[in-house]
Amino acid sequence: MQQTDDVIVVSLDIDANENEEAVREHIERNGFEGYFAISPSVLTQALVDEYGTFIITPPLSPKILVNTDQTEAEALERGVKSAEELQALADEAR
């Protein structure tokens, strides 16, 4: 998905066994765009508390959509989404 002025992609690595170098190599190897961070355990736990354990289950391809004014957030339906699907959901959130 292409980042724009009002669509920002933020990816959190929740694997406590990975480090910045592993994340950076993954980004570069796959040509990903966006912002990437290693989630602190307190943030990971807050996400689980809010959305359930599926949010930290990578094979389920979890995503959270936050609206433009950052007043609402929702977990998207589980599973891989195409760039077109994500763009349509982002357009609806505006």
PDB file of N, CA and C in Angstrom:
ATOM      1  N   MET A   1       0.842  -1.174   0.000  1.00  0.00           N
ATOM      2  CA  MET A   1       0.000   0.000   0.000  1.00  0.00           C
ATOM      3  C   MET A   1       0.885   1.235   0.000  1.00  0.00           C
ATOM      4  N   GLN A   2       0.547   2.165  -0.814  1.00  0.00           N
ATOM      5  CA  GLN A   2       1.315   3.399  -0.945  1.00  0.00           C
ATOM      6  C   GLN A   2       0.943   4.385   0.169  1.00  0.00           C
ATOM      7  N   GLN A   3       1.949   4.963   0.785  1.00  0.00           N
ATOM      8  CA  GLN A   3       1.683   5.996   1.772  1.00  0.00           C
ATOM      9  C   GLN A   3       1.353   7.304   1.054  1.00  0.00           C
ATOM     10  N   THR A   4       0.449   8.081   1.651  1.00  0.00           N
ATOM     11  CA  THR A   4       0.089   9.396   1.127  1.00  0.00           C
ATOM     12  C   THR A   4       0.083  10.365   2.296  1.00  0.00           C
ATOM     13  N   ASP A   5      -0.348  11.591   2.037  1.00  0.00           N
ATOM     14  CA  ASP A   5      -0.404  12.574   3.118  1.00  0.00           C
ATOM     15  C   ASP A   5      -1.366  12.161   4.230  1.00  0.00           C
ATOM     16  N   ASP A   6      -2.405  11.404   3.871  1.00  0.00           N
ATOM     17  CA  ASP A   6      -3.372  11.020   4.901  1.00  0.00           C
ATOM     18  C   ASP A   6      -3.477   9.507   5.108  1.00  0.00           C
ATOM     19  N   VAL A   7      -2.565   8.742   4.522  1.00  0.00           N
ATOM     20  CA  VAL A   7      -2.482   7.311   4.784  1.00  0.00           C
ATOM     21  C   VAL A   7      -1.050   7.011   5.198  1.00  0.00           C
ATOM     22  N   ILE A   8      -0.900   6.604   6.447  1.00  0.00           N
ATOM     23  CA  ILE A   8       0.416   6.300   6.990  1.00  0.00           C
ATOM     24  C   ILE A   8       0.403   4.861   7.471  1.00  0.00           C
ATOM     25  N   VAL A   9       1.382   4.103   7.055  1.00  0.00           N
ATOM     26  CA  VAL A   9       1.489   2.703   7.439  1.00  0.00           C
ATOM     27  C   VAL A   9       2.506   2.593   8.575  1.00  0.00           C
ATOM     28  N   VAL A  10       2.066   2.001   9.684  1.00  0.00           N
ATOM     29  CA  VAL A  10       2.936   1.769  10.840  1.00  0.00           C
ATOM     30  C   VAL A  10       2.898   0.273  11.137  1.00  0.00           C
ATOM     31  N   SER A  11       4.042  -0.353  11.149  1.00  0.00           N
ATOM     32  CA  SER A  11       4.134  -1.787  11.439  1.00  0.00           C
ATOM     33  C   SER A  11       4.880  -1.989  12.746  1.00  0.00           C
ATOM     34  N   LEU A  12       4.318  -2.838  13.593  1.00  0.00           N
ATOM     35  CA  LEU A  12       4.942  -3.154  14.876  1.00  0.00           C
ATOM     36  C   LEU A  12       5.404  -4.597  14.880  1.00  0.00           C
ATOM     37  N   ASP A  13       6.658  -4.810  15.217  1.00  0.00           N
ATOM     38  CA  ASP A  13       7.191  -6.149  15.392  1.00  0.00           C
ATOM     39  C   ASP A  13       6.968  -6.527  16.852  1.00  0.00           C
ATOM     40  N   ILE A  14       6.241  -7.605  17.080  1.00  0.00           N
ATOM     41  CA  ILE A  14       5.910  -7.999  18.459  1.00  0.00           C
ATOM     42  C   ILE A  14       6.732  -9.193  18.934  1.00  0.00           C
ATOM     43  N   ASP A  15       7.687  -9.643  18.116  1.00  0.00           N
ATOM     44  CA  ASP A  15       8.518 -10.795  18.474  1.00  0.00           C
ATOM     45  C   ASP A  15       9.655 -10.346  19.384  1.00  0.00           C
ATOM     46  N   ALA A  16       9.584 -10.761  20.634  1.00  0.00           N
ATOM     47  CA  ALA A  16      10.595 -10.357  21.621  1.00  0.00           C
ATOM     48  C   ALA A  16      11.986 -10.881  21.282  1.00  0.00           C
ATOM     49  N   ASN A  17      12.069 -11.854  20.374  1.00  0.00           N
ATOM     50  CA  ASN A  17      13.362 -12.427  19.998  1.00  0.00           C
ATOM     51  C   ASN A  17      14.020 -11.698  18.832  1.00  0.00           C
ATOM     52  N   GLU A  18      13.348 -10.726  18.254  1.00  0.00           N
ATOM     53  CA  GLU A  18      13.919 -10.002  17.119  1.00  0.00           C
ATOM     54  C   GLU A  18      14.472  -8.664  17.574  1.00  0.00           C
ATOM     55  N   ASN A  19      15.420  -8.143  16.791  1.00  0.00           N
ATOM     56  CA  ASN A  19      16.028  -6.860  17.124  1.00  0.00           C
ATOM     57  C   ASN A  19      15.937  -5.918  15.925  1.00  0.00           C
ATOM     58  N   GLU A  20      16.461  -4.716  16.103  1.00  0.00           N
ATOM     59  CA  GLU A  20      16.383  -3.713  15.040  1.00  0.00           C
ATOM     60  C   GLU A  20      17.014  -4.202  13.744  1.00  0.00           C
ATOM     61  N   GLU A  21      18.133  -4.879  13.829  1.00  0.00           N
ATOM     62  CA  GLU A  21      18.815  -5.350  12.628  1.00  0.00           C
ATOM     63  C   GLU A  21      17.940  -6.334  11.850  1.00  0.00           C
ATOM     64  N   ALA A  22      17.302  -7.258  12.550  1.00  0.00           N
ATOM     65  CA  ALA A  22      16.427  -8.237  11.892  1.00  0.00           C
ATOM     66  C   ALA A  22      15.248  -7.546  11.217  1.00  0.00           C
ATOM     67  N   VAL A  23      14.677  -6.575  11.893  1.00  0.00           N
ATOM     68  CA  VAL A  23      13.543  -5.835  11.324  1.00  0.00           C
ATOM     69  C   VAL A  23      13.999  -5.049  10.097  1.00  0.00           C
ATOM     70  N   ARG A  24      15.114  -4.359  10.198  1.00  0.00           N
ATOM     71  CA  ARG A  24      15.640  -3.563   9.074  1.00  0.00           C
ATOM     72  C   ARG A  24      15.912  -4.456   7.864  1.00  0.00           C
ATOM     73  N   GLU A  25      16.527  -5.618   8.083  1.00  0.00           N
ATOM     74  CA  GLU A  25      16.805  -6.547   6.981  1.00  0.00           C
ATOM     75  C   GLU A  25      15.512  -7.021   6.320  1.00  0.00           C
ATOM     76  N   HIS A  26      14.488  -7.292   7.123  1.00  0.00           N
ATOM     77  CA  HIS A  26      13.189  -7.723   6.598  1.00  0.00           C
ATOM     78  C   HIS A  26      12.559  -6.632   5.728  1.00  0.00           C
ATOM     79  N   ILE A  27      12.628  -5.403   6.190  1.00  0.00           N
ATOM     80  CA  ILE A  27      12.082  -4.264   5.440  1.00  0.00           C
ATOM     81  C   ILE A  27      12.809  -4.122   4.106  1.00  0.00           C
ATOM     82  N   GLU A  28      14.119  -4.123   4.153  1.00  0.00           N
ATOM     83  CA  GLU A  28      14.915  -3.927   2.937  1.00  0.00           C
ATOM     84  C   GLU A  28      14.739  -5.092   1.956  1.00  0.00           C
ATOM     85  N   ARG A  29      14.714  -6.309   2.465  1.00  0.00           N
ATOM     86  CA  ARG A  29      14.579  -7.494   1.611  1.00  0.00           C
ATOM     87  C   ARG A  29      13.242  -7.502   0.868  1.00  0.00           C
ATOM     88  N   ASN A  30      12.198  -6.955   1.507  1.00  0.00           N
ATOM     89  CA  ASN A  30      10.860  -6.986   0.923  1.00  0.00           C
ATOM     90  C   ASN A  30      10.421  -5.659   0.310  1.00  0.00           C
ATOM     91  N   GLY A  31      11.251  -4.616   0.425  1.00  0.00           N
ATOM     92  CA  GLY A  31      10.914  -3.326  -0.163  1.00  0.00           C
ATOM     93  C   GLY A  31       9.694  -2.670   0.456  1.00  0.00           C
ATOM     94  N   PHE A  32       9.499  -2.870   1.751  1.00  0.00           N
ATOM     95  CA  PHE A  32       8.338  -2.296   2.428  1.00  0.00           C
ATOM     96  C   PHE A  32       8.483  -0.786   2.598  1.00  0.00           C
ATOM     97  N   GLU A  33       7.341  -0.088   2.617  1.00  0.00           N
ATOM     98  CA  GLU A  33       7.289   1.337   2.903  1.00  0.00           C
ATOM     99  C   GLU A  33       6.587   1.542   4.238  1.00  0.00           C
ATOM    100  N   GLY A  34       6.829   2.668   4.855  1.00  0.00           N
ATOM    101  CA  GLY A  34       6.123   2.999   6.079  1.00  0.00           C
ATOM    102  C   GLY A  34       7.075   3.139   7.251  1.00  0.00           C
ATOM    103  N   TYR A  35       6.481   3.128   8.413  1.00  0.00           N
ATOM    104  CA  TYR A  35       7.220   3.234   9.661  1.00  0.00           C
ATOM    105  C   TYR A  35       7.207   1.881  10.346  1.00  0.00           C
ATOM    106  N   PHE A  36       8.339   1.498  10.905  1.00  0.00           N
ATOM    107  CA  PHE A  36       8.477   0.204  11.547  1.00  0.00           C
ATOM    108  C   PHE A  36       9.097   0.397  12.918  1.00  0.00           C
ATOM    109  N   ALA A  37       8.592  -0.377  13.889  1.00  0.00           N
ATOM    110  CA  ALA A  37       9.116  -0.282  15.244  1.00  0.00           C
ATOM    111  C   ALA A  37       8.981  -1.637  15.924  1.00  0.00           C
ATOM    112  N   ILE A  38       9.807  -1.847  16.910  1.00  0.00           N
ATOM    113  CA  ILE A  38       9.677  -3.012  17.767  1.00  0.00           C
ATOM    114  C   ILE A  38       8.775  -2.603  18.920  1.00  0.00           C
ATOM    115  N   SER A  39       7.696  -3.318  19.083  1.00  0.00           N
ATOM    116  CA  SER A  39       6.702  -2.969  20.092  1.00  0.00           C
ATOM    117  C   SER A  39       7.220  -3.267  21.493  1.00  0.00           C
ATOM    118  N   PRO A  40       7.198  -2.274  22.367  1.00  0.00           N
ATOM    119  CA  PRO A  40       7.540  -2.554  23.769  1.00  0.00           C
ATOM    120  C   PRO A  40       6.483  -3.501  24.357  1.00  0.00           C
ATOM    121  N   SER A  41       6.866  -4.318  25.309  1.00  0.00           N
ATOM    122  CA  SER A  41       5.933  -5.306  25.865  1.00  0.00           C
ATOM    123  C   SER A  41       4.669  -4.661  26.429  1.00  0.00           C
ATOM    124  N   VAL A  42       4.773  -3.471  26.975  1.00  0.00           N
ATOM    125  CA  VAL A  42       3.591  -2.803  27.530  1.00  0.00           C
ATOM    126  C   VAL A  42       2.605  -2.432  26.417  1.00  0.00           C
ATOM    127  N   LEU A  43       3.095  -2.031  25.262  1.00  0.00           N
ATOM    128  CA  LEU A  43       2.218  -1.728  24.129  1.00  0.00           C
ATOM    129  C   LEU A  43       1.598  -3.004  23.584  1.00  0.00           C
ATOM    130  N   THR A  44       2.399  -4.050  23.450  1.00  0.00           N
ATOM    131  CA  THR A  44       1.875  -5.326  22.974  1.00  0.00           C
ATOM    132  C   THR A  44       0.755  -5.807  23.888  1.00  0.00           C
ATOM    133  N   GLN A  45       0.950  -5.710  25.189  1.00  0.00           N
ATOM    134  CA  GLN A  45      -0.088  -6.134  26.133  1.00  0.00           C
ATOM    135  C   GLN A  45      -1.331  -5.256  26.016  1.00  0.00           C
ATOM    136  N   ALA A  46      -1.152  -3.966  25.815  1.00  0.00           N
ATOM    137  CA  ALA A  46      -2.305  -3.068  25.650  1.00  0.00           C
ATOM    138  C   ALA A  46      -3.105  -3.427  24.401  1.00  0.00           C
ATOM    139  N   LEU A  47      -2.419  -3.809  23.326  1.00  0.00           N
ATOM    140  CA  LEU A  47      -3.107  -4.226  22.106  1.00  0.00           C
ATOM    141  C   LEU A  47      -3.901  -5.515  22.349  1.00  0.00           C
ATOM    142  N   VAL A  48      -3.309  -6.456  23.078  1.00  0.00           N
ATOM    143  CA  VAL A  48      -4.011  -7.700  23.412  1.00  0.00           C
ATOM    144  C   VAL A  48      -5.230  -7.389  24.266  1.00  0.00           C
ATOM    145  N   ASP A  49      -5.069  -6.514  25.253  1.00  0.00           N
ATOM    146  CA  ASP A  49      -6.185  -6.147  26.131  1.00  0.00           C
ATOM    147  C   ASP A  49      -7.333  -5.534  25.339  1.00  0.00           C
ATOM    148  N   GLU A  50      -7.007  -4.743  24.339  1.00  0.00           N
ATOM    149  CA  GLU A  50      -8.033  -4.040  23.548  1.00  0.00           C
ATOM    150  C   GLU A  50      -8.660  -4.924  22.471  1.00  0.00           C
ATOM    151  N   TYR A  51      -7.849  -5.737  21.781  1.00  0.00           N
ATOM    152  CA  TYR A  51      -8.335  -6.439  20.591  1.00  0.00           C
ATOM    153  C   TYR A  51      -8.325  -7.965  20.702  1.00  0.00           C
ATOM    154  N   GLY A  52      -7.692  -8.506  21.724  1.00  0.00           N
ATOM    155  CA  GLY A  52      -7.602  -9.960  21.853  1.00  0.00           C
ATOM    156  C   GLY A  52      -6.289 -10.481  21.298  1.00  0.00           C
ATOM    157  N   THR A  53      -6.026 -11.746  21.533  1.00  0.00           N
ATOM    158  CA  THR A  53      -4.730 -12.322  21.161  1.00  0.00           C
ATOM    159  C   THR A  53      -4.520 -12.427  19.658  1.00  0.00           C
ATOM    160  N   PHE A  54      -5.590 -12.386  18.860  1.00  0.00           N
ATOM    161  CA  PHE A  54      -5.386 -12.476  17.411  1.00  0.00           C
ATOM    162  C   PHE A  54      -4.513 -11.332  16.911  1.00  0.00           C
ATOM    163  N   ILE A  55      -4.516 -10.202  17.627  1.00  0.00           N
ATOM    164  CA  ILE A  55      -3.781  -9.010  17.173  1.00  0.00           C
ATOM    165  C   ILE A  55      -2.270  -9.232  17.219  1.00  0.00           C
ATOM    166  N   ILE A  56      -1.828 -10.246  17.955  1.00  0.00           N
ATOM    167  CA  ILE A  56      -0.394 -10.551  17.999  1.00  0.00           C
ATOM    168  C   ILE A  56      -0.096 -11.915  17.387  1.00  0.00           C
ATOM    169  N   THR A  57      -0.955 -12.346  16.471  1.00  0.00           N
ATOM    170  CA  THR A  57      -0.789 -13.628  15.798  1.00  0.00           C
ATOM    171  C   THR A  57      -0.484 -13.361  14.325  1.00  0.00           C
ATOM    172  N   PRO A  58       0.798 -13.264  13.968  1.00  0.00           N
ATOM    173  CA  PRO A  58       1.172 -12.886  12.602  1.00  0.00           C
ATOM    174  C   PRO A  58       0.497 -13.672  11.481  1.00  0.00           C
ATOM    175  N   PRO A  59       0.290 -15.005  11.595  1.00  0.00           N
ATOM    176  CA  PRO A  59      -0.358 -15.702  10.484  1.00  0.00           C
ATOM    177  C   PRO A  59      -1.778 -15.196  10.185  1.00  0.00           C
ATOM    178  N   LEU A  60      -2.413 -14.509  11.145  1.00  0.00           N
ATOM    179  CA  LEU A  60      -3.749 -13.968  10.925  1.00  0.00           C
ATOM    180  C   LEU A  60      -3.697 -12.602  10.244  1.00  0.00           C
ATOM    181  N   SER A  61      -2.496 -12.098  10.027  1.00  0.00           N
ATOM    182  CA  SER A  61      -2.278 -10.821   9.347  1.00  0.00           C
ATOM    183  C   SER A  61      -3.113  -9.693   9.962  1.00  0.00           C
ATOM    184  N   PRO A  62      -2.941  -9.449  11.269  1.00  0.00           N
ATOM    185  CA  PRO A  62      -3.766  -8.439  11.938  1.00  0.00           C
ATOM    186  C   PRO A  62      -3.424  -7.015  11.493  1.00  0.00           C
ATOM    187  N   LYS A  63      -4.482  -6.199  11.395  1.00  0.00           N
ATOM    188  CA  LYS A  63      -4.330  -4.785  11.040  1.00  0.00           C
ATOM    189  C   LYS A  63      -5.325  -3.963  11.837  1.00  0.00           C
ATOM    190  N   ILE A  64      -4.902  -2.770  12.211  1.00  0.00           N
ATOM    191  CA  ILE A  64      -5.792  -1.831  12.883  1.00  0.00           C
ATOM    192  C   ILE A  64      -5.859  -0.587  12.023  1.00  0.00           C
ATOM    193  N   LEU A  65      -7.066  -0.130  11.750  1.00  0.00           N
ATOM    194  CA  LEU A  65      -7.278   1.078  10.962  1.00  0.00           C
ATOM    195  C   LEU A  65      -7.665   2.207  11.909  1.00  0.00           C
ATOM    196  N   VAL A  66      -6.919   3.296  11.853  1.00  0.00           N
ATOM    197  CA  VAL A  66      -7.192   4.469  12.677  1.00  0.00           C
ATOM    198  C   VAL A  66      -7.681   5.566  11.744  1.00  0.00           C
ATOM    199  N   ASN A  67      -8.799   6.219  12.112  1.00  0.00           N
ATOM    200  CA  ASN A  67      -9.330   7.247  11.221  1.00  0.00           C
ATOM    201  C   ASN A  67      -8.429   8.481  11.207  1.00  0.00           C
ATOM    202  N   THR A  68      -8.704   9.376  10.259  1.00  0.00           N
ATOM    203  CA  THR A  68      -7.828  10.516  10.003  1.00  0.00           C
ATOM    204  C   THR A  68      -7.625  11.397  11.229  1.00  0.00           C
ATOM    205  N   ASP A  69      -8.679  11.631  12.005  1.00  0.00           N
ATOM    206  CA  ASP A  69      -8.510  12.503  13.170  1.00  0.00           C
ATOM    207  C   ASP A  69      -8.105  11.729  14.425  1.00  0.00           C
ATOM    208  N   GLN A  70      -7.815  10.452  14.258  1.00  0.00           N
ATOM    209  CA  GLN A  70      -7.293   9.582  15.322  1.00  0.00           C
ATOM    210  C   GLN A  70      -8.225   9.456  16.518  1.00  0.00           C
ATOM    211  N   THR A  71      -9.539   9.539  16.272  1.00  0.00           N
ATOM    212  CA  THR A  71     -10.515   9.402  17.353  1.00  0.00           C
ATOM    213  C   THR A  71     -11.128   8.020  17.412  1.00  0.00           C
ATOM    214  N   GLU A  72     -10.930   7.230  16.345  1.00  0.00           N
ATOM    215  CA  GLU A  72     -11.490   5.889  16.300  1.00  0.00           C
ATOM    216  C   GLU A  72     -10.463   4.922  15.711  1.00  0.00           C
ATOM    217  N   ALA A  73     -10.472   3.714  16.230  1.00  0.00           N
ATOM    218  CA  ALA A  73      -9.602   2.653  15.710  1.00  0.00           C
ATOM    219  C   ALA A  73     -10.391   1.359  15.722  1.00  0.00           C
ATOM    220  N   GLU A  74     -10.188   0.559  14.671  1.00  0.00           N
ATOM    221  CA  GLU A  74     -10.868  -0.724  14.623  1.00  0.00           C
ATOM    222  C   GLU A  74      -9.938  -1.782  14.051  1.00  0.00           C
ATOM    223  N   ALA A  75     -10.054  -2.976  14.591  1.00  0.00           N
ATOM    224  CA  ALA A  75      -9.311  -4.103  14.046  1.00  0.00           C
ATOM    225  C   ALA A  75     -10.043  -4.558  12.795  1.00  0.00           C
ATOM    226  N   LEU A  76      -9.312  -4.716  11.721  1.00  0.00           N
ATOM    227  CA  LEU A  76      -9.908  -5.169  10.474  1.00  0.00           C
ATOM    228  C   LEU A  76     -10.120  -6.674  10.516  1.00  0.00           C
ATOM    229  N   GLU A  77     -10.986  -7.151   9.642  1.00  0.00           N
ATOM    230  CA  GLU A  77     -11.227  -8.582   9.539  1.00  0.00           C
ATOM    231  C   GLU A  77      -9.899  -9.302   9.304  1.00  0.00           C
ATOM    232  N   ARG A  78      -9.746 -10.429   9.908  1.00  0.00           N
ATOM    233  CA  ARG A  78      -8.494 -11.189   9.815  1.00  0.00           C
ATOM    234  C   ARG A  78      -8.182 -11.607   8.393  1.00  0.00           C
ATOM    235  N   GLY A  79      -6.900 -11.724   8.100  1.00  0.00           N
ATOM    236  CA  GLY A  79      -6.471 -12.225   6.806  1.00  0.00           C
ATOM    237  C   GLY A  79      -5.728 -11.184   5.988  1.00  0.00           C
ATOM    238  N   VAL A  80      -5.070 -11.680   4.968  1.00  0.00           N
ATOM    239  CA  VAL A  80      -4.284 -10.832   4.072  1.00  0.00           C
ATOM    240  C   VAL A  80      -5.232  -9.946   3.270  1.00  0.00           C
ATOM    241  N   LYS A  81      -4.844  -8.693   3.078  1.00  0.00           N
ATOM    242  CA  LYS A  81      -5.622  -7.734   2.294  1.00  0.00           C
ATOM    243  C   LYS A  81      -4.750  -7.219   1.157  1.00  0.00           C
ATOM    244  N   SER A  82      -5.359  -7.016   0.020  1.00  0.00           N
ATOM    245  CA  SER A  82      -4.627  -6.422  -1.099  1.00  0.00           C
ATOM    246  C   SER A  82      -4.456  -4.933  -0.844  1.00  0.00           C
ATOM    247  N   ALA A  83      -3.539  -4.322  -1.575  1.00  0.00           N
ATOM    248  CA  ALA A  83      -3.346  -2.879  -1.465  1.00  0.00           C
ATOM    249  C   ALA A  83      -4.635  -2.151  -1.810  1.00  0.00           C
ATOM    250  N   GLU A  84      -5.367  -2.663  -2.789  1.00  0.00           N
ATOM    251  CA  GLU A  84      -6.623  -2.028  -3.200  1.00  0.00           C
ATOM    252  C   GLU A  84      -7.668  -2.092  -2.086  1.00  0.00           C
ATOM    253  N   GLU A  85      -7.761  -3.247  -1.421  1.00  0.00           N
ATOM    254  CA  GLU A  85      -8.698  -3.380  -0.303  1.00  0.00           C
ATOM    255  C   GLU A  85      -8.348  -2.409   0.822  1.00  0.00           C
ATOM    256  N   LEU A  86      -7.059  -2.333   1.148  1.00  0.00           N
ATOM    257  CA  LEU A  86      -6.626  -1.429   2.219  1.00  0.00           C
ATOM    258  C   LEU A  86      -6.892   0.025   1.842  1.00  0.00           C
ATOM    259  N   GLN A  87      -6.651   0.368   0.583  1.00  0.00           N
ATOM    260  CA  GLN A  87      -6.901   1.742   0.142  1.00  0.00           C
ATOM    261  C   GLN A  87      -8.385   2.073   0.252  1.00  0.00           C
ATOM    262  N   ALA A  88      -9.249   1.152  -0.132  1.00  0.00           N
ATOM    263  CA  ALA A  88     -10.696   1.394  -0.034  1.00  0.00           C
ATOM    264  C   ALA A  88     -11.112   1.574   1.423  1.00  0.00           C
ATOM    265  N   LEU A  89     -10.576   0.777   2.328  1.00  0.00           N
ATOM    266  CA  LEU A  89     -10.889   0.921   3.748  1.00  0.00           C
ATOM    267  C   LEU A  89     -10.373   2.259   4.278  1.00  0.00           C
ATOM    268  N   ALA A  90      -9.195   2.667   3.844  1.00  0.00           N
ATOM    269  CA  ALA A  90      -8.648   3.969   4.269  1.00  0.00           C
ATOM    270  C   ALA A  90      -9.514   5.102   3.736  1.00  0.00           C
ATOM    271  N   ASP A  91      -9.985   4.987   2.511  1.00  0.00           N
ATOM    272  CA  ASP A  91     -10.853   6.010   1.936  1.00  0.00           C
ATOM    273  C   ASP A  91     -12.147   6.135   2.735  1.00  0.00           C
ATOM    274  N   GLU A  92     -12.713   4.993   3.169  1.00  0.00           N
ATOM    275  CA  GLU A  92     -13.936   5.006   3.978  1.00  0.00           C
ATOM    276  C   GLU A  92     -13.718   5.660   5.333  1.00  0.00           C
ATOM    277  N   ALA A  93     -12.513   5.555   5.866  1.00  0.00           N
ATOM    278  CA  ALA A  93     -12.210   6.083   7.197  1.00  0.00           C
ATOM    279  C   ALA A  93     -12.018   7.585   7.203  1.00  0.00           C
ATOM    280  N   ARG A  94     -11.904   8.186   6.060  1.00  0.00           N
ATOM    281  CA  ARG A  94     -11.674   9.639   5.984  1.00  0.00           C
ATOM    282  C   ARG A  94     -12.893  10.405   6.409  1.00  0.00           C
TER     283      ARG A  94
END
